[in-house]
C-alpha atoms as a PDB file:
ATOM      1  CA  MET A   1       2.136   2.871  -9.491  1.00  0.00           C
ATOM      2  CA  MET A   2       5.732   4.102  -9.712  1.00  0.00           C
ATOM      3  CA  LYS A   3       4.490   7.678  -9.317  1.00  0.00           C
ATOM      4  CA  LYS A   4       2.658   6.693  -6.085  1.00  0.00           C
ATOM      5  CA  ILE A   5       5.757   5.019  -4.669  1.00  0.00           C
ATOM      6  CA  LEU A   6       7.940   8.017  -5.520  1.00  0.00           C
ATOM      7  CA  THR A   7       5.428  10.404  -3.888  1.00  0.00           C
ATOM      8  CA  ILE A   8       5.350   8.260  -0.750  1.00  0.00           C
ATOM      9  CA  LEU A   9       9.137   8.073  -0.543  1.00  0.00           C
ATOM     10  CA  LEU A  10       9.383  11.852  -0.884  1.00  0.00           C
ATOM     11  CA  LEU A  11       6.770  12.415   1.834  1.00  0.00           C
ATOM     12  CA  LEU A  12       7.939   9.817   4.337  1.00  0.00           C
ATOM     13  CA  PRO A  13      10.675  11.937   5.900  1.00  0.00           C
ATOM     14  CA  LEU A  14       7.875  14.308   6.922  1.00  0.00           C
ATOM     15  CA  LEU A  15       5.902  11.473   8.477  1.00  0.00           C
ATOM     16  CA  GLY A  16       6.657   9.224  11.404  1.00  0.00           C
ATOM     17  CA  VAL A  17       7.845  11.083  14.441  1.00  0.00           C
ATOM     18  CA  ALA A  18       7.074  14.476  12.933  1.00  0.00           C
ATOM     19  CA  GLN A  19       3.382  13.666  12.657  1.00  0.00           C
ATOM     20  CA  ALA A  20       3.215  11.836  15.969  1.00  0.00           C
ATOM     21  CA  HIS A  21       2.686  15.267  17.583  1.00  0.00           C
ATOM     22  CA  LEU A  22       2.823  13.901  21.117  1.00  0.00           C
ATOM     23  CA  GLY A  23       2.823  16.253  24.103  1.00  0.00           C
ATOM     24  CA  ILE A  24       1.231  19.203  22.314  1.00  0.00           C
ATOM     25  CA  ASN A  25      -2.283  20.646  22.212  1.00  0.00           C
ATOM     26  CA  GLU A  26      -4.924  20.691  19.480  1.00  0.00           C
ATOM     27  CA  TYR A  27      -4.090  24.243  18.392  1.00  0.00           C
ATOM     28  CA  GLU A  28      -0.417  23.357  17.867  1.00  0.00           C
ATOM     29  CA  ILE A  29      -1.357  20.336  15.739  1.00  0.00           C
ATOM     30  CA  LYS A  30      -3.755  22.390  13.617  1.00  0.00           C
ATOM     31  CA  ILE A  31      -1.145  25.136  13.095  1.00  0.00           C
ATOM     32  CA  GLN A  32       1.238  22.536  11.643  1.00  0.00           C
ATOM     33  CA  HIS A  33      -1.442  21.233   9.235  1.00  0.00           C
ATOM     34  CA  THR A  34      -3.381  24.278   8.058  1.00  0.00           C
ATOM     35  CA  ASP A  35      -4.445  22.434   4.887  1.00  0.00           C
ATOM     36  CA  VAL A  36      -6.242  19.678   6.829  1.00  0.00           C
ATOM     37  CA  ASP A  37      -9.948  19.864   7.691  1.00  0.00           C
ATOM     38  CA  PHE A  38      -9.897  18.382  11.210  1.00  0.00           C
ATOM     39  CA  LYS A  39     -12.997  16.883  12.783  1.00  0.00           C
ATOM     40  CA  SER A  40     -13.481  16.686  16.557  1.00  0.00           C
ATOM     41  CA  GLY A  41     -14.988  13.835  18.499  1.00  0.00           C
ATOM     42  CA  THR A  42     -15.168  11.977  21.790  1.00  0.00           C
ATOM     43  CA  THR A  43     -14.673   8.251  22.368  1.00  0.00           C
ATOM     44  CA  GLU A  44     -17.193   6.105  24.261  1.00  0.00           C
ATOM     45  CA  LYS A  45     -14.949   6.509  27.326  1.00  0.00           C
ATOM     46  CA  GLY A  46     -14.989  10.304  27.041  1.00  0.00           C
ATOM     47  CA  THR A  47     -11.550  10.868  25.486  1.00  0.00           C
ATOM     48  CA  ARG A  48     -11.385  13.887  23.181  1.00  0.00           C
ATOM     49  CA  PHE A  49      -9.758  13.516  19.767  1.00  0.00           C
ATOM     50  CA  ILE A  50      -9.373  15.202  16.407  1.00  0.00           C
ATOM     51  CA  SER A  51      -8.970  13.445  13.067  1.00  0.00           C
ATOM     52  CA  GLY A  52      -7.906  14.535   9.630  1.00  0.00           C
ATOM     53  CA  ASP A  53      -7.146  13.086   6.227  1.00  0.00           C
ATOM     54  CA  MET A  54      -3.539  13.652   5.213  1.00  0.00           C
ATOM     55  CA  GLN A  55      -1.314  12.551   2.348  1.00  0.00           C
ATOM     56  CA  LEU A  56      -0.620   8.999   3.602  1.00  0.00           C
ATOM     57  CA  GLY A  57      -3.710   8.234   5.650  1.00  0.00           C
ATOM     58  CA  THR A  58      -6.206   9.402   8.230  1.00  0.00           C
ATOM     59  CA  PHE A  59      -4.653  10.559  11.504  1.00  0.00           C
ATOM     60  CA  TYR A  60      -6.359  10.533  14.917  1.00  0.00           C
ATOM     61  CA  TYR A  61      -4.867  12.574  17.786  1.00  0.00           C
ATOM     62  CA  TYR A  62      -6.074  11.762  21.327  1.00  0.00           C
ATOM     63  CA  PHE A  63      -5.903  14.246  24.222  1.00  0.00           C
ATOM     64  CA  ASN A  64      -5.699  13.805  27.981  1.00  0.00           C
ATOM     65  CA  SER A  65      -7.779  15.842  30.459  1.00  0.00           C
ATOM     66  CA  SER A  66      -5.208  18.667  30.244  1.00  0.00           C
ATOM     67  CA  GLY A  67      -5.714  18.910  26.471  1.00  0.00           C
ATOM     68  CA  VAL A  68      -2.286  17.452  25.623  1.00  0.00           C
ATOM     69  CA  SER A  69      -1.914  14.760  22.954  1.00  0.00           C
ATOM     70  CA  TYR A  70      -0.754  11.422  24.339  1.00  0.00           C
ATOM     71  CA  THR A  71      -1.285   9.052  21.425  1.00  0.00           C
ATOM     72  CA  ASN A  72      -1.770   9.173  17.683  1.00  0.00           C
ATOM     73  CA  ILE A  73      -3.256   6.584  15.340  1.00  0.00           C
ATOM     74  CA  GLN A  74      -2.678   6.539  11.593  1.00  0.00           C
ATOM     75  CA  VAL A  75      -4.854   4.493   9.251  1.00  0.00           C
ATOM     76  CA  PRO A  76      -2.869   4.274   5.981  1.00  0.00           C
ATOM     77  CA  TYR A  77      -4.847   4.534   2.742  1.00  0.00           C
ATOM     78  CA  THR A  78      -3.132   1.659   0.924  1.00  0.00           C
ATOM     79  CA  MET A  79      -0.819  -1.307   1.381  1.00  0.00           C
ATOM     80  CA  VAL A  80       1.769   0.678  -0.580  1.00  0.00           C
ATOM     81  CA  ASN A  81       1.732   3.204   2.288  1.00  0.00           C
ATOM     82  CA  VAL A  82       2.036   0.447   4.913  1.00  0.00           C
ATOM     83  CA  ASN A  83       4.939  -1.244   3.139  1.00  0.00           C
ATOM     84  CA  ALA A  84       6.810   1.992   2.383  1.00  0.00           C
ATOM     85  CA  GLN A  85       6.479   3.250   5.965  1.00  0.00           C
ATOM     86  CA  THR A  86       7.540  -0.116   7.372  1.00  0.00           C
ATOM     87  CA  GLU A  87      10.629  -0.120   5.169  1.00  0.00           C
ATOM     88  CA  ILE A  88      11.553   3.426   6.230  1.00  0.00           C
ATOM     89  CA  TYR A  89      10.957   2.672   9.919  1.00  0.00           C
ATOM     90  CA  ASN A  90      13.141  -0.442   9.672  1.00  0.00           C
ATOM     91  CA  LYS A  91      16.007   1.745   8.436  1.00  0.00           C
ATOM     92  CA  LYS A  92      15.411   4.806  10.606  1.00  0.00           C
ATOM     93  CA  TYR A  93      14.413   3.479  14.052  1.00  0.00           C
ATOM     94  CA  VAL A  94      15.275   0.677  16.459  1.00  0.00           C
ATOM     95  CA  ILE A  95      13.361  -2.458  15.498  1.00  0.00           C
ATOM     96  CA  VAL A  96      11.656  -4.006  18.521  1.00  0.00           C
ATOM     97  CA  THR A  97       9.576  -6.634  16.653  1.00  0.00           C
ATOM     98  CA  ASP A  98       8.369  -7.146  13.071  1.00  0.00           C
ATOM     99  CA  HIS A  99       5.582  -4.683  13.819  1.00  0.00           C
ATOM    100  CA  SER A 100       7.078  -2.246  16.339  1.00  0.00           C
ATOM    101  CA  TRP A 101       9.859   0.327  16.571  1.00  0.00           C
ATOM    102  CA  LYS A 102      11.434   2.766  19.033  1.00  0.00           C
ATOM    103  CA  ALA A 103      12.272   6.250  17.806  1.00  0.00           C
ATOM    104  CA  TYR A 104      14.721   8.290  19.873  1.00  0.00           C
ATOM    105  CA  VAL A 105      13.845  11.945  19.398  1.00  0.00           C
ATOM    106  CA  GLU A 106      15.879  15.142  19.700  1.00  0.00           C
ATOM    107  CA  ASN A 107      14.437  16.210  23.054  1.00  0.00           C
ATOM    108  CA  GLY A 108      15.714  12.990  24.658  1.00  0.00           C
ATOM    109  CA  GLY A 109      12.372  11.219  24.552  1.00  0.00           C
ATOM    110  CA  VAL A 110      11.309   7.965  22.996  1.00  0.00           C
ATOM    111  CA  ILE A 111       8.314   7.365  20.755  1.00  0.00           C
ATOM    112  CA  TYR A 112       6.963   3.844  20.474  1.00  0.00           C
ATOM    113  CA  ILE A 113       5.522   2.963  17.081  1.00  0.00           C
ATOM    114  CA  ASN A 114       3.335  -0.101  16.585  1.00  0.00           C
ATOM    115  CA  LEU A 115       1.710  -1.519  13.465  1.00  0.00           C
ATOM    116  CA  ASP A 116      -1.389  -3.642  13.997  1.00  0.00           C
ATOM    117  CA  TYR A 117      -3.838  -5.370  11.679  1.00  0.00           C
ATOM    118  CA  TYR A 118      -7.516  -5.463  12.622  1.00  0.00           C
ATOM    119  CA  GLU A 119      -9.152  -8.430  10.922  1.00  0.00           C
ATOM    120  CA  GLU A 120     -12.744  -7.379  11.542  1.00  0.00           C
ATOM    121  CA  GLN A 121     -12.242  -3.974   9.897  1.00  0.00           C
ATOM    122  CA  LYS A 122      -9.643  -5.314   7.430  1.00  0.00           C
ATOM    123  CA  LEU A 123      -7.252  -2.449   8.050  1.00  0.00           C
ATOM    124  CA  TRP A 124      -3.753  -1.670   9.244  1.00  0.00           C
ATOM    125  CA  MET A 125      -3.040   0.987  11.874  1.00  0.00           C
ATOM    126  CA  PHE A 126       0.152   2.647  13.091  1.00  0.00           C
ATOM    127  CA  SER A 127       0.031   3.875  16.676  1.00  0.00           C
ATOM    128  CA  TYR A 128       2.463   6.391  18.162  1.00  0.00           C
ATOM    129  CA  THR A 129       2.886   6.770  21.944  1.00  0.00           C
ATOM    130  CA  ASP A 130       5.537   8.085  24.304  1.00  0.00           C
END
């Protein structure tokens, strides 16, 4: 258990805003994660997305009609991931509520991070939008 926590703490600086990958195209996301086997899909409403399993969870990147990512969803693998990320976000970003943060990024933008629990599926999800 301690090994898992240490691994998560070492990887968390690479997570968050870095993996939000908002405002870029599919190719740019794939170039940054060459070790991930991405799968493509389309939502019921016709929105294109790619998904891939990464160190701390499964990530879903959604694209607008121009092929630019506008939102990202992360489904963490474990509660350890959820708790560690929440603790880091509480220290690193502006806390809006118990389950949401604002991250001010270098290019002058803002990324909104939300954590939601879905009872029916029994899972937590982080969402990243600008």
